[in-house]
Amino acid sequence: MPDDLIALSAIGVAILLGAMSPGASFLLVARTAMSSSRHAALSVAAGMGLGALVFAVVALAGLHALLTMIPSLYTGLKIAGGCYLLWLALKMFRSPSKRFIDPTAIGEMSALKAFATGIITQISNPHTALVFASIFSAALTTDIQPAMYIVLPLLAFTIDMLWYAFVAFLLSTDRPRQAYIKYRKFIDKLSGGIMVWLGVRLLLK
C-alpha cells in the first residue's frame, strides 16, 4: 500500500506538470477565458479532463497488453519514454517567453461546443498519449494492481479538469493574466527542469 501511494503521488505530480506545460490545451482554455466567457472556458476544462481520462485508459490498457505479450519491450518503452520527456523539457526551455495569446482568435462558444472542442483538442494530441505512457512506465511496475485501472483514469480526469478550471478562472481576469505573461519564462524553465529529472530517472531506473 505505501508503494501504491508513492506511485500515485508521483503520477499525480507528473500529470499536473504535463497539464501545466505550454501547449494547445492551455492555449485553448486561455483564449476561451479571455475571448469568450468563463463558463465556456470551464466547459473546455471539463472536456480536457475527459480527454485525459480516455488517454489514461488507453495508455494503461496498451501498456499492460504490451508488457504481457512482450516483456522485453519494457526496456525499450522506458528508453523511448525517457528520451521523449527530455525532448519535451528541451522544448520547454526553448519556448519563447514573450509569446502572447491572441484574445481575438476565437469567438463566443456554447458550453456544448466548448466541451466538445476540449475533448477533441486533448485526444488529438499524440504527445499527451506519449506522456501518459512514459509516466506510467516510470512509476508503475509490470504487475499493475487492478484498482489502478480505475484510480489512475479518475486521477487524470480530476487533475486535468481542476488545473484547466483554475486557468479558466485565473485568465478570465486581467491582473493574473498579466502576471502569468510576466513570469512565463520562469514557469517554463521550472517545468522543463522537473521534466529533465523525470526523463533521467526513467532512463536510469
N, C-alpha and C. Protein backbone atom coordinates (compact mmCIF):
# COMPACT_ATOMS: atom_id res chain seq x y z
N MET A 1 0.81 -1.23 0.00
CA MET A 1 0.00 0.00 0.00
C MET A 1 0.85 1.28 0.00
N PRO A 2 1.90 1.38 0.84
CA PRO A 2 2.74 2.58 0.78
C PRO A 2 3.35 2.79 -0.60
N ASP A 3 3.76 1.67 -1.25
CA ASP A 3 4.34 1.79 -2.59
C ASP A 3 3.31 2.32 -3.59
N ASP A 4 2.06 1.87 -3.44
CA ASP A 4 1.00 2.34 -4.32
C ASP A 4 0.74 3.83 -4.12
N LEU A 5 0.77 4.27 -2.87
CA LEU A 5 0.55 5.69 -2.58
C LEU A 5 1.68 6.54 -3.14
N ILE A 6 2.90 6.03 -3.02
CA ILE A 6 4.05 6.76 -3.57
C ILE A 6 3.92 6.86 -5.09
N ALA A 7 3.54 5.74 -5.71
CA ALA A 7 3.38 5.73 -7.17
C ALA A 7 2.28 6.69 -7.60
N LEU A 8 1.15 6.67 -6.87
CA LEU A 8 0.05 7.57 -7.21
C LEU A 8 0.46 9.03 -7.04
N SER A 9 1.20 9.32 -5.99
CA SER A 9 1.66 10.69 -5.77
C SER A 9 2.59 11.14 -6.89
N ALA A 10 3.53 10.27 -7.27
CA ALA A 10 4.45 10.60 -8.35
C ALA A 10 3.72 10.81 -9.67
N ILE A 11 2.75 9.93 -9.95
CA ILE A 11 1.97 10.04 -11.18
C ILE A 11 1.15 11.31 -11.17
N GLY A 12 0.53 11.61 -10.02
CA GLY A 12 -0.28 12.82 -9.91
C GLY A 12 0.52 14.07 -10.17
N VAL A 13 1.71 14.15 -9.59
CA VAL A 13 2.57 15.31 -9.80
C VAL A 13 2.99 15.42 -11.26
N ALA A 14 3.35 14.28 -11.86
CA ALA A 14 3.78 14.29 -13.26
C ALA A 14 2.65 14.69 -14.20
N ILE A 15 1.43 14.20 -13.93
CA ILE A 15 0.28 14.57 -14.76
C ILE A 15 0.01 16.07 -14.64
N LEU A 16 0.11 16.58 -13.42
CA LEU A 16 -0.12 18.01 -13.22
C LEU A 16 0.92 18.83 -13.97
N LEU A 17 2.18 18.43 -13.90
CA LEU A 17 3.23 19.15 -14.61
C LEU A 17 3.01 19.09 -16.12
N GLY A 18 2.55 17.92 -16.59
CA GLY A 18 2.25 17.80 -18.01
C GLY A 18 1.12 18.71 -18.43
N ALA A 19 0.08 18.80 -17.59
CA ALA A 19 -1.04 19.69 -17.90
C ALA A 19 -0.61 21.15 -17.86
N MET A 20 0.33 21.48 -16.97
CA MET A 20 0.78 22.86 -16.81
C MET A 20 1.73 23.30 -17.92
N SER A 21 2.31 22.35 -18.63
CA SER A 21 3.28 22.71 -19.67
C SER A 21 2.59 23.43 -20.82
N PRO A 22 3.28 24.37 -21.47
CA PRO A 22 2.68 25.11 -22.58
C PRO A 22 2.27 24.18 -23.71
N GLY A 23 1.14 24.45 -24.30
CA GLY A 23 0.68 23.62 -25.39
C GLY A 23 -0.69 24.05 -25.88
N ALA A 24 -1.23 23.27 -26.82
CA ALA A 24 -2.51 23.61 -27.43
C ALA A 24 -3.64 23.63 -26.41
N SER A 25 -3.61 22.71 -25.45
CA SER A 25 -4.68 22.64 -24.46
C SER A 25 -4.74 23.91 -23.62
N PHE A 26 -3.57 24.33 -23.13
CA PHE A 26 -3.53 25.55 -22.32
C PHE A 26 -3.98 26.76 -23.14
N LEU A 27 -3.47 26.85 -24.37
CA LEU A 27 -3.82 27.99 -25.20
C LEU A 27 -5.32 28.05 -25.48
N LEU A 28 -5.93 26.88 -25.68
CA LEU A 28 -7.37 26.85 -25.94
C LEU A 28 -8.16 27.36 -24.74
N VAL A 29 -7.83 26.87 -23.55
CA VAL A 29 -8.53 27.31 -22.34
C VAL A 29 -8.29 28.80 -22.11
N ALA A 30 -7.04 29.24 -22.27
CA ALA A 30 -6.71 30.64 -22.03
C ALA A 30 -7.44 31.55 -23.01
N ARG A 31 -7.41 31.19 -24.27
CA ARG A 31 -8.06 32.03 -25.28
C ARG A 31 -9.57 32.05 -25.09
N THR A 32 -10.14 30.91 -24.68
CA THR A 32 -11.58 30.87 -24.42
C THR A 32 -11.94 31.75 -23.24
N ALA A 33 -11.12 31.69 -22.18
CA ALA A 33 -11.38 32.51 -20.99
C ALA A 33 -11.31 33.99 -21.31
N MET A 34 -10.39 34.38 -22.21
CA MET A 34 -10.19 35.79 -22.49
C MET A 34 -11.10 36.34 -23.58
N SER A 35 -11.52 35.47 -24.52
CA SER A 35 -12.29 35.99 -25.64
C SER A 35 -13.75 35.57 -25.65
N SER A 36 -14.11 34.55 -24.85
CA SER A 36 -15.50 34.10 -24.86
C SER A 36 -16.13 34.35 -23.50
N SER A 37 -16.01 33.40 -22.59
CA SER A 37 -16.60 33.57 -21.25
C SER A 37 -15.97 32.57 -20.29
N ARG A 38 -16.10 32.84 -19.02
CA ARG A 38 -15.59 31.91 -18.01
C ARG A 38 -16.34 30.58 -18.08
N HIS A 39 -17.65 30.65 -18.32
CA HIS A 39 -18.45 29.43 -18.40
C HIS A 39 -17.98 28.54 -19.54
N ALA A 40 -17.72 29.14 -20.71
CA ALA A 40 -17.23 28.37 -21.85
C ALA A 40 -15.86 27.77 -21.56
N ALA A 41 -15.00 28.55 -20.90
CA ALA A 41 -13.67 28.05 -20.56
C ALA A 41 -13.74 26.88 -19.59
N LEU A 42 -14.67 26.91 -18.65
CA LEU A 42 -14.85 25.79 -17.73
C LEU A 42 -15.36 24.56 -18.45
N SER A 43 -16.17 24.77 -19.48
CA SER A 43 -16.65 23.64 -20.29
C SER A 43 -15.49 23.01 -21.05
N VAL A 44 -14.59 23.85 -21.56
CA VAL A 44 -13.39 23.33 -22.22
C VAL A 44 -12.57 22.53 -21.22
N ALA A 45 -12.45 23.04 -20.00
CA ALA A 45 -11.68 22.34 -18.96
C ALA A 45 -12.25 20.96 -18.68
N ALA A 46 -13.58 20.86 -18.63
CA ALA A 46 -14.22 19.56 -18.42
C ALA A 46 -13.91 18.62 -19.58
N GLY A 47 -13.91 19.16 -20.81
CA GLY A 47 -13.55 18.35 -21.96
C GLY A 47 -12.11 17.87 -21.90
N MET A 48 -11.22 18.73 -21.45
CA MET A 48 -9.82 18.36 -21.29
C MET A 48 -9.69 17.20 -20.29
N GLY A 49 -10.43 17.30 -19.19
CA GLY A 49 -10.39 16.24 -18.19
C GLY A 49 -10.85 14.91 -18.74
N LEU A 50 -11.94 14.93 -19.51
CA LEU A 50 -12.45 13.68 -20.09
C LEU A 50 -11.45 13.11 -21.10
N GLY A 51 -10.82 13.99 -21.87
CA GLY A 51 -9.79 13.54 -22.81
C GLY A 51 -8.63 12.89 -22.09
N ALA A 52 -8.22 13.46 -20.95
CA ALA A 52 -7.14 12.87 -20.16
C ALA A 52 -7.53 11.50 -19.63
N LEU A 53 -8.79 11.36 -19.21
CA LEU A 53 -9.28 10.06 -18.74
C LEU A 53 -9.17 9.02 -19.85
N VAL A 54 -9.58 9.39 -21.05
CA VAL A 54 -9.50 8.47 -22.19
C VAL A 54 -8.05 8.05 -22.44
N PHE A 55 -7.14 9.02 -22.44
CA PHE A 55 -5.74 8.71 -22.67
C PHE A 55 -5.17 7.81 -21.58
N ALA A 56 -5.59 8.03 -20.34
CA ALA A 56 -5.11 7.20 -19.24
C ALA A 56 -5.57 5.76 -19.41
N VAL A 57 -6.83 5.58 -19.79
CA VAL A 57 -7.36 4.23 -20.01
C VAL A 57 -6.61 3.54 -21.14
N VAL A 58 -6.43 4.26 -22.26
CA VAL A 58 -5.74 3.69 -23.41
C VAL A 58 -4.29 3.36 -23.07
N ALA A 59 -3.62 4.27 -22.37
CA ALA A 59 -2.21 4.04 -22.01
C ALA A 59 -2.08 2.84 -21.10
N LEU A 60 -2.96 2.71 -20.12
CA LEU A 60 -2.91 1.58 -19.20
C LEU A 60 -3.19 0.27 -19.93
N ALA A 61 -4.22 0.24 -20.76
CA ALA A 61 -4.57 -0.98 -21.47
C ALA A 61 -3.47 -1.38 -22.44
N GLY A 62 -2.95 -0.39 -23.18
CA GLY A 62 -1.90 -0.68 -24.13
C GLY A 62 -0.61 -1.11 -23.47
N LEU A 63 -0.26 -0.42 -22.39
CA LEU A 63 0.97 -0.75 -21.68
C LEU A 63 0.89 -2.15 -21.08
N HIS A 64 -0.24 -2.47 -20.47
CA HIS A 64 -0.41 -3.78 -19.84
C HIS A 64 -0.34 -4.89 -20.88
N ALA A 65 -1.04 -4.70 -22.01
CA ALA A 65 -1.05 -5.72 -23.06
C ALA A 65 0.35 -5.90 -23.65
N LEU A 66 1.03 -4.78 -23.85
CA LEU A 66 2.37 -4.84 -24.44
C LEU A 66 3.33 -5.58 -23.53
N LEU A 67 3.30 -5.25 -22.25
CA LEU A 67 4.23 -5.88 -21.32
C LEU A 67 3.89 -7.35 -21.08
N THR A 68 2.60 -7.68 -21.20
CA THR A 68 2.19 -9.08 -21.02
C THR A 68 2.64 -9.94 -22.19
N MET A 69 2.47 -9.42 -23.40
CA MET A 69 2.82 -10.19 -24.60
C MET A 69 4.32 -10.22 -24.85
N ILE A 70 4.98 -9.06 -24.69
CA ILE A 70 6.40 -8.96 -24.99
C ILE A 70 7.10 -8.21 -23.85
N PRO A 71 7.41 -8.88 -22.76
CA PRO A 71 8.03 -8.20 -21.61
C PRO A 71 9.35 -7.52 -21.94
N SER A 72 10.07 -8.03 -22.95
CA SER A 72 11.37 -7.44 -23.28
C SER A 72 11.24 -6.01 -23.80
N LEU A 73 10.03 -5.61 -24.24
CA LEU A 73 9.84 -4.26 -24.74
C LEU A 73 9.75 -3.23 -23.62
N TYR A 74 9.69 -3.70 -22.39
CA TYR A 74 9.61 -2.78 -21.26
C TYR A 74 10.81 -1.83 -21.24
N THR A 75 11.99 -2.40 -21.49
CA THR A 75 13.20 -1.57 -21.51
C THR A 75 13.14 -0.56 -22.65
N GLY A 76 12.71 -1.02 -23.82
CA GLY A 76 12.60 -0.12 -24.96
C GLY A 76 11.61 1.01 -24.71
N LEU A 77 10.50 0.69 -24.07
CA LEU A 77 9.49 1.70 -23.75
C LEU A 77 10.04 2.72 -22.77
N LYS A 78 10.82 2.25 -21.78
CA LYS A 78 11.42 3.17 -20.83
C LYS A 78 12.38 4.13 -21.51
N ILE A 79 13.21 3.58 -22.42
CA ILE A 79 14.17 4.43 -23.13
C ILE A 79 13.44 5.45 -23.99
N ALA A 80 12.42 4.99 -24.73
CA ALA A 80 11.66 5.90 -25.58
C ALA A 80 10.95 6.97 -24.75
N GLY A 81 10.36 6.54 -23.63
CA GLY A 81 9.67 7.48 -22.77
C GLY A 81 10.61 8.50 -22.14
N GLY A 82 11.78 8.02 -21.68
CA GLY A 82 12.75 8.93 -21.10
C GLY A 82 13.26 9.95 -22.10
N CYS A 83 13.54 9.49 -23.32
CA CYS A 83 14.01 10.41 -24.36
C CYS A 83 12.94 11.43 -24.72
N TYR A 84 11.69 10.97 -24.75
CA TYR A 84 10.61 11.91 -25.06
C TYR A 84 10.49 12.98 -23.99
N LEU A 85 10.57 12.59 -22.72
CA LEU A 85 10.47 13.57 -21.65
C LEU A 85 11.62 14.57 -21.70
N LEU A 86 12.81 14.10 -22.07
CA LEU A 86 13.93 15.03 -22.23
C LEU A 86 13.70 15.98 -23.40
N TRP A 87 13.12 15.46 -24.48
CA TRP A 87 12.80 16.32 -25.62
C TRP A 87 11.76 17.35 -25.25
N LEU A 88 10.76 16.93 -24.47
CA LEU A 88 9.73 17.85 -24.01
C LEU A 88 10.33 18.94 -23.13
N ALA A 89 11.29 18.54 -22.27
CA ALA A 89 11.97 19.51 -21.42
C ALA A 89 12.73 20.53 -22.26
N LEU A 90 13.44 20.04 -23.30
CA LEU A 90 14.16 20.94 -24.19
C LEU A 90 13.21 21.93 -24.86
N LYS A 91 12.05 21.42 -25.25
CA LYS A 91 11.05 22.28 -25.88
C LYS A 91 10.59 23.37 -24.91
N MET A 92 10.44 23.02 -23.63
CA MET A 92 10.04 24.00 -22.63
C MET A 92 11.14 25.05 -22.43
N PHE A 93 12.39 24.59 -22.37
CA PHE A 93 13.49 25.53 -22.18
C PHE A 93 13.60 26.51 -23.34
N ARG A 94 13.27 26.05 -24.54
CA ARG A 94 13.40 26.90 -25.72
C ARG A 94 12.12 27.64 -26.06
N SER A 95 11.08 27.47 -25.24
CA SER A 95 9.79 28.12 -25.51
C SER A 95 9.94 29.64 -25.42
N PRO A 96 9.42 30.37 -26.41
CA PRO A 96 9.50 31.84 -26.36
C PRO A 96 8.82 32.38 -25.12
N SER A 97 9.50 33.25 -24.40
CA SER A 97 8.97 33.75 -23.14
C SER A 97 8.00 34.90 -23.32
N LYS A 98 7.95 35.49 -24.52
CA LYS A 98 7.10 36.65 -24.72
C LYS A 98 5.95 36.36 -25.69
N ARG A 99 5.70 35.06 -25.94
CA ARG A 99 4.59 34.72 -26.81
C ARG A 99 3.28 35.17 -26.17
N PHE A 100 2.50 35.93 -26.89
CA PHE A 100 1.25 36.44 -26.33
C PHE A 100 0.06 35.73 -26.96
N ILE A 101 -0.91 35.46 -26.16
CA ILE A 101 -2.11 34.77 -26.62
C ILE A 101 -3.06 35.77 -27.25
N ASP A 102 -3.43 35.53 -28.48
CA ASP A 102 -4.31 36.44 -29.20
C ASP A 102 -5.75 36.24 -28.73
N PRO A 103 -6.33 37.19 -28.01
CA PRO A 103 -7.66 37.01 -27.47
C PRO A 103 -8.76 37.11 -28.51
N THR A 104 -8.41 37.43 -29.74
CA THR A 104 -9.44 37.55 -30.77
C THR A 104 -9.47 36.34 -31.69
N ALA A 105 -8.67 35.31 -31.36
CA ALA A 105 -8.54 34.18 -32.27
C ALA A 105 -9.81 33.34 -32.34
N ILE A 106 -10.62 33.32 -31.29
CA ILE A 106 -11.85 32.55 -31.32
C ILE A 106 -12.98 33.43 -30.85
N GLY A 107 -14.20 33.05 -31.18
CA GLY A 107 -15.35 33.84 -30.79
C GLY A 107 -16.15 33.16 -29.69
N GLU A 108 -17.36 33.62 -29.52
CA GLU A 108 -18.23 33.05 -28.49
C GLU A 108 -18.50 31.57 -28.78
N MET A 109 -18.51 30.75 -27.73
CA MET A 109 -18.80 29.33 -27.87
C MET A 109 -19.86 28.93 -26.87
N SER A 110 -20.73 28.04 -27.28
CA SER A 110 -21.70 27.49 -26.35
C SER A 110 -20.97 26.49 -25.46
N ALA A 111 -21.61 26.14 -24.34
CA ALA A 111 -20.98 25.20 -23.40
C ALA A 111 -20.74 23.85 -24.07
N LEU A 112 -21.71 23.38 -24.85
CA LEU A 112 -21.57 22.08 -25.50
C LEU A 112 -20.44 22.09 -26.53
N LYS A 113 -20.38 23.15 -27.32
CA LYS A 113 -19.31 23.26 -28.31
C LYS A 113 -17.95 23.37 -27.63
N ALA A 114 -17.90 24.13 -26.55
CA ALA A 114 -16.65 24.28 -25.82
C ALA A 114 -16.20 22.95 -25.24
N PHE A 115 -17.14 22.19 -24.67
CA PHE A 115 -16.84 20.88 -24.11
C PHE A 115 -16.30 19.94 -25.18
N ALA A 116 -16.97 19.90 -26.33
CA ALA A 116 -16.54 19.04 -27.44
C ALA A 116 -15.17 19.47 -27.95
N THR A 117 -14.95 20.78 -28.03
CA THR A 117 -13.66 21.28 -28.50
C THR A 117 -12.54 20.87 -27.56
N GLY A 118 -12.81 20.90 -26.25
CA GLY A 118 -11.81 20.48 -25.27
C GLY A 118 -11.44 19.02 -25.42
N ILE A 119 -12.45 18.15 -25.61
CA ILE A 119 -12.18 16.71 -25.78
C ILE A 119 -11.35 16.47 -27.03
N ILE A 120 -11.79 17.08 -28.15
CA ILE A 120 -11.11 16.85 -29.43
C ILE A 120 -9.67 17.34 -29.38
N THR A 121 -9.47 18.51 -28.79
CA THR A 121 -8.12 19.05 -28.69
C THR A 121 -7.22 18.14 -27.86
N GLN A 122 -7.75 17.62 -26.78
CA GLN A 122 -6.95 16.77 -25.90
C GLN A 122 -6.59 15.44 -26.57
N ILE A 123 -7.59 14.77 -27.14
CA ILE A 123 -7.33 13.43 -27.67
C ILE A 123 -6.64 13.45 -29.04
N SER A 124 -6.59 14.62 -29.68
CA SER A 124 -5.93 14.70 -30.98
C SER A 124 -4.44 15.00 -30.86
N ASN A 125 -3.98 15.17 -29.63
CA ASN A 125 -2.56 15.48 -29.40
C ASN A 125 -1.80 14.20 -29.05
N PRO A 126 -1.02 13.65 -29.99
CA PRO A 126 -0.30 12.40 -29.71
C PRO A 126 0.75 12.54 -28.61
N HIS A 127 1.21 13.76 -28.37
CA HIS A 127 2.19 13.97 -27.30
C HIS A 127 1.61 13.59 -25.94
N THR A 128 0.31 13.84 -25.75
CA THR A 128 -0.32 13.51 -24.48
C THR A 128 -0.30 12.01 -24.23
N ALA A 129 -0.55 11.23 -25.26
CA ALA A 129 -0.52 9.78 -25.11
C ALA A 129 0.88 9.31 -24.74
N LEU A 130 1.90 9.90 -25.36
CA LEU A 130 3.27 9.53 -25.04
C LEU A 130 3.63 9.90 -23.61
N VAL A 131 3.16 11.06 -23.16
CA VAL A 131 3.44 11.49 -21.78
C VAL A 131 2.82 10.52 -20.79
N PHE A 132 1.56 10.13 -21.01
CA PHE A 132 0.90 9.19 -20.09
C PHE A 132 1.64 7.85 -20.07
N ALA A 133 2.00 7.34 -21.24
CA ALA A 133 2.71 6.07 -21.30
C ALA A 133 4.05 6.17 -20.59
N SER A 134 4.74 7.30 -20.77
CA SER A 134 6.05 7.49 -20.12
C SER A 134 5.90 7.57 -18.61
N ILE A 135 4.92 8.32 -18.15
CA ILE A 135 4.70 8.48 -16.71
C ILE A 135 4.35 7.16 -16.05
N PHE A 136 3.44 6.39 -16.69
CA PHE A 136 3.04 5.11 -16.12
C PHE A 136 4.20 4.13 -16.10
N SER A 137 5.03 4.16 -17.15
CA SER A 137 6.19 3.27 -17.19
C SER A 137 7.18 3.59 -16.07
N ALA A 138 7.33 4.89 -15.78
CA ALA A 138 8.29 5.30 -14.76
C ALA A 138 7.82 4.95 -13.35
N ALA A 139 6.52 5.05 -13.11
CA ALA A 139 6.03 4.92 -11.73
C ALA A 139 5.45 3.55 -11.39
N LEU A 140 5.03 2.78 -12.40
CA LEU A 140 4.38 1.50 -12.14
C LEU A 140 5.31 0.34 -12.46
N THR A 141 5.11 -0.77 -11.78
CA THR A 141 5.84 -1.98 -12.08
C THR A 141 5.08 -2.77 -13.15
N THR A 142 5.64 -3.89 -13.59
CA THR A 142 4.95 -4.72 -14.58
C THR A 142 3.71 -5.38 -14.00
N ASP A 143 3.65 -5.48 -12.68
CA ASP A 143 2.48 -6.07 -12.01
C ASP A 143 1.55 -4.96 -11.55
N ILE A 144 0.72 -4.49 -12.47
CA ILE A 144 -0.19 -3.38 -12.18
C ILE A 144 -1.40 -3.87 -11.39
N GLN A 145 -1.67 -3.23 -10.26
CA GLN A 145 -2.81 -3.61 -9.43
C GLN A 145 -4.12 -3.29 -10.15
N PRO A 146 -5.12 -4.18 -10.07
CA PRO A 146 -6.40 -3.96 -10.76
C PRO A 146 -7.05 -2.62 -10.41
N ALA A 147 -6.92 -2.20 -9.16
CA ALA A 147 -7.54 -0.93 -8.74
C ALA A 147 -6.98 0.25 -9.51
N MET A 148 -5.75 0.14 -10.00
CA MET A 148 -5.12 1.23 -10.73
C MET A 148 -5.87 1.57 -12.01
N TYR A 149 -6.56 0.57 -12.58
CA TYR A 149 -7.28 0.80 -13.83
C TYR A 149 -8.48 1.73 -13.61
N ILE A 150 -8.90 1.86 -12.37
CA ILE A 150 -10.00 2.77 -12.04
C ILE A 150 -9.45 4.07 -11.46
N VAL A 151 -8.49 3.93 -10.54
CA VAL A 151 -7.97 5.09 -9.83
C VAL A 151 -7.20 6.04 -10.76
N LEU A 152 -6.35 5.51 -11.61
CA LEU A 152 -5.50 6.37 -12.45
C LEU A 152 -6.29 7.19 -13.47
N PRO A 153 -7.25 6.60 -14.19
CA PRO A 153 -8.05 7.44 -15.10
C PRO A 153 -8.82 8.53 -14.37
N LEU A 154 -9.38 8.19 -13.19
CA LEU A 154 -10.10 9.21 -12.41
C LEU A 154 -9.14 10.28 -11.91
N LEU A 155 -7.93 9.87 -11.55
CA LEU A 155 -6.92 10.83 -11.11
C LEU A 155 -6.55 11.77 -12.25
N ALA A 156 -6.36 11.21 -13.43
CA ALA A 156 -6.02 12.02 -14.60
C ALA A 156 -7.14 13.00 -14.93
N PHE A 157 -8.38 12.53 -14.87
CA PHE A 157 -9.54 13.39 -15.14
C PHE A 157 -9.60 14.54 -14.15
N THR A 158 -9.47 14.22 -12.87
CA THR A 158 -9.59 15.23 -11.81
C THR A 158 -8.48 16.28 -11.91
N ILE A 159 -7.24 15.84 -12.10
CA ILE A 159 -6.12 16.78 -12.15
C ILE A 159 -6.24 17.70 -13.35
N ASP A 160 -6.49 17.12 -14.53
CA ASP A 160 -6.58 17.96 -15.73
C ASP A 160 -7.76 18.92 -15.65
N MET A 161 -8.91 18.43 -15.21
CA MET A 161 -10.08 19.29 -15.14
C MET A 161 -9.87 20.43 -14.15
N LEU A 162 -9.33 20.12 -12.96
CA LEU A 162 -9.13 21.15 -11.95
C LEU A 162 -8.07 22.16 -12.38
N TRP A 163 -7.01 21.68 -13.03
CA TRP A 163 -5.97 22.62 -13.48
C TRP A 163 -6.53 23.59 -14.51
N TYR A 164 -7.21 23.05 -15.52
CA TYR A 164 -7.72 23.92 -16.57
C TYR A 164 -8.88 24.79 -16.09
N ALA A 165 -9.62 24.31 -15.09
CA ALA A 165 -10.64 25.16 -14.48
C ALA A 165 -9.99 26.31 -13.74
N PHE A 166 -8.87 26.03 -13.07
CA PHE A 166 -8.11 27.08 -12.40
C PHE A 166 -7.61 28.11 -13.40
N VAL A 167 -7.09 27.62 -14.53
CA VAL A 167 -6.63 28.52 -15.60
C VAL A 167 -7.78 29.37 -16.10
N ALA A 168 -8.95 28.75 -16.27
CA ALA A 168 -10.12 29.48 -16.76
C ALA A 168 -10.49 30.61 -15.81
N PHE A 169 -10.50 30.33 -14.51
CA PHE A 169 -10.82 31.38 -13.54
C PHE A 169 -9.73 32.45 -13.52
N LEU A 170 -8.49 32.00 -13.57
CA LEU A 170 -7.37 32.93 -13.44
C LEU A 170 -7.29 33.89 -14.61
N LEU A 171 -7.37 33.35 -15.83
CA LEU A 171 -7.14 34.17 -17.01
C LEU A 171 -8.40 34.87 -17.51
N SER A 172 -9.50 34.70 -16.81
CA SER A 172 -10.70 35.46 -17.18
C SER A 172 -10.69 36.82 -16.49
N THR A 173 -9.66 37.09 -15.69
CA THR A 173 -9.46 38.42 -15.11
C THR A 173 -8.12 38.97 -15.60
N ASP A 174 -7.98 40.27 -15.60
CA ASP A 174 -6.83 40.89 -16.26
C ASP A 174 -5.54 40.79 -15.46
N ARG A 175 -5.56 41.07 -14.18
CA ARG A 175 -4.32 41.14 -13.40
C ARG A 175 -3.56 39.82 -13.35
N PRO A 176 -4.22 38.68 -13.03
CA PRO A 176 -3.49 37.41 -13.04
C PRO A 176 -2.97 37.04 -14.43
N ARG A 177 -3.72 37.38 -15.46
CA ARG A 177 -3.27 37.10 -16.82
C ARG A 177 -1.95 37.79 -17.12
N GLN A 178 -1.86 39.07 -16.74
CA GLN A 178 -0.63 39.81 -16.97
C GLN A 178 0.53 39.25 -16.14
N ALA A 179 0.22 38.75 -14.95
CA ALA A 179 1.25 38.16 -14.10
C ALA A 179 1.80 36.88 -14.74
N TYR A 180 0.91 36.06 -15.32
CA TYR A 180 1.37 34.84 -15.98
C TYR A 180 2.30 35.19 -17.14
N ILE A 181 1.90 36.16 -17.95
CA ILE A 181 2.71 36.55 -19.10
C ILE A 181 4.08 37.04 -18.64
N LYS A 182 4.10 37.77 -17.52
CA LYS A 182 5.35 38.31 -16.99
C LYS A 182 6.30 37.21 -16.53
N TYR A 183 5.77 36.16 -15.86
CA TYR A 183 6.61 35.11 -15.29
C TYR A 183 6.60 33.82 -16.09
N ARG A 184 6.13 33.88 -17.31
CA ARG A 184 6.02 32.66 -18.11
C ARG A 184 7.38 31.99 -18.31
N LYS A 185 8.42 32.79 -18.52
CA LYS A 185 9.75 32.22 -18.75
C LYS A 185 10.20 31.39 -17.55
N PHE A 186 9.98 31.90 -16.34
CA PHE A 186 10.35 31.15 -15.13
C PHE A 186 9.55 29.86 -15.02
N ILE A 187 8.24 29.92 -15.29
CA ILE A 187 7.39 28.74 -15.20
C ILE A 187 7.83 27.68 -16.20
N ASP A 188 8.15 28.11 -17.43
CA ASP A 188 8.62 27.17 -18.44
C ASP A 188 9.92 26.49 -18.03
N LYS A 189 10.84 27.26 -17.48
CA LYS A 189 12.14 26.71 -17.09
C LYS A 189 11.98 25.74 -15.91
N LEU A 190 11.11 26.08 -14.96
CA LEU A 190 10.88 25.20 -13.82
C LEU A 190 10.27 23.88 -14.27
N SER A 191 9.25 23.95 -15.11
CA SER A 191 8.61 22.73 -15.62
C SER A 191 9.60 21.91 -16.42
N GLY A 192 10.44 22.57 -17.23
CA GLY A 192 11.44 21.86 -18.02
C GLY A 192 12.45 21.14 -17.15
N GLY A 193 12.88 21.79 -16.07
CA GLY A 193 13.84 21.17 -15.17
C GLY A 193 13.28 19.91 -14.52
N ILE A 194 12.02 19.96 -14.12
CA ILE A 194 11.41 18.78 -13.50
C ILE A 194 11.23 17.66 -14.52
N MET A 195 10.89 18.02 -15.76
CA MET A 195 10.76 17.01 -16.81
C MET A 195 12.11 16.36 -17.10
N VAL A 196 13.21 17.12 -17.02
CA VAL A 196 14.54 16.55 -17.19
C VAL A 196 14.78 15.49 -16.12
N TRP A 197 14.43 15.83 -14.89
CA TRP A 197 14.60 14.87 -13.77
C TRP A 197 13.80 13.61 -14.01
N LEU A 198 12.55 13.74 -14.47
CA LEU A 198 11.71 12.58 -14.73
C LEU A 198 12.30 11.73 -15.87
N GLY A 199 12.79 12.41 -16.91
CA GLY A 199 13.35 11.67 -18.03
C GLY A 199 14.60 10.90 -17.66
N VAL A 200 15.50 11.55 -16.92
CA VAL A 200 16.73 10.88 -16.48
C VAL A 200 16.40 9.72 -15.54
N ARG A 201 15.45 9.94 -14.65
CA ARG A 201 15.04 8.88 -13.72
C ARG A 201 14.50 7.67 -14.49
N LEU A 202 13.73 7.93 -15.52
CA LEU A 202 13.17 6.84 -16.31
C LEU A 202 14.27 6.08 -17.04
N LEU A 203 15.26 6.79 -17.60
CA LEU A 203 16.33 6.15 -18.33
C LEU A 203 17.23 5.32 -17.43
N LEU A 204 17.44 5.77 -16.19
CA LEU A 204 18.37 5.10 -15.29
C LEU A 204 17.73 4.09 -14.36
N LYS A 205 16.40 4.08 -14.32
CA LYS A 205 15.70 3.18 -13.38
C LYS A 205 15.92 1.73 -13.73
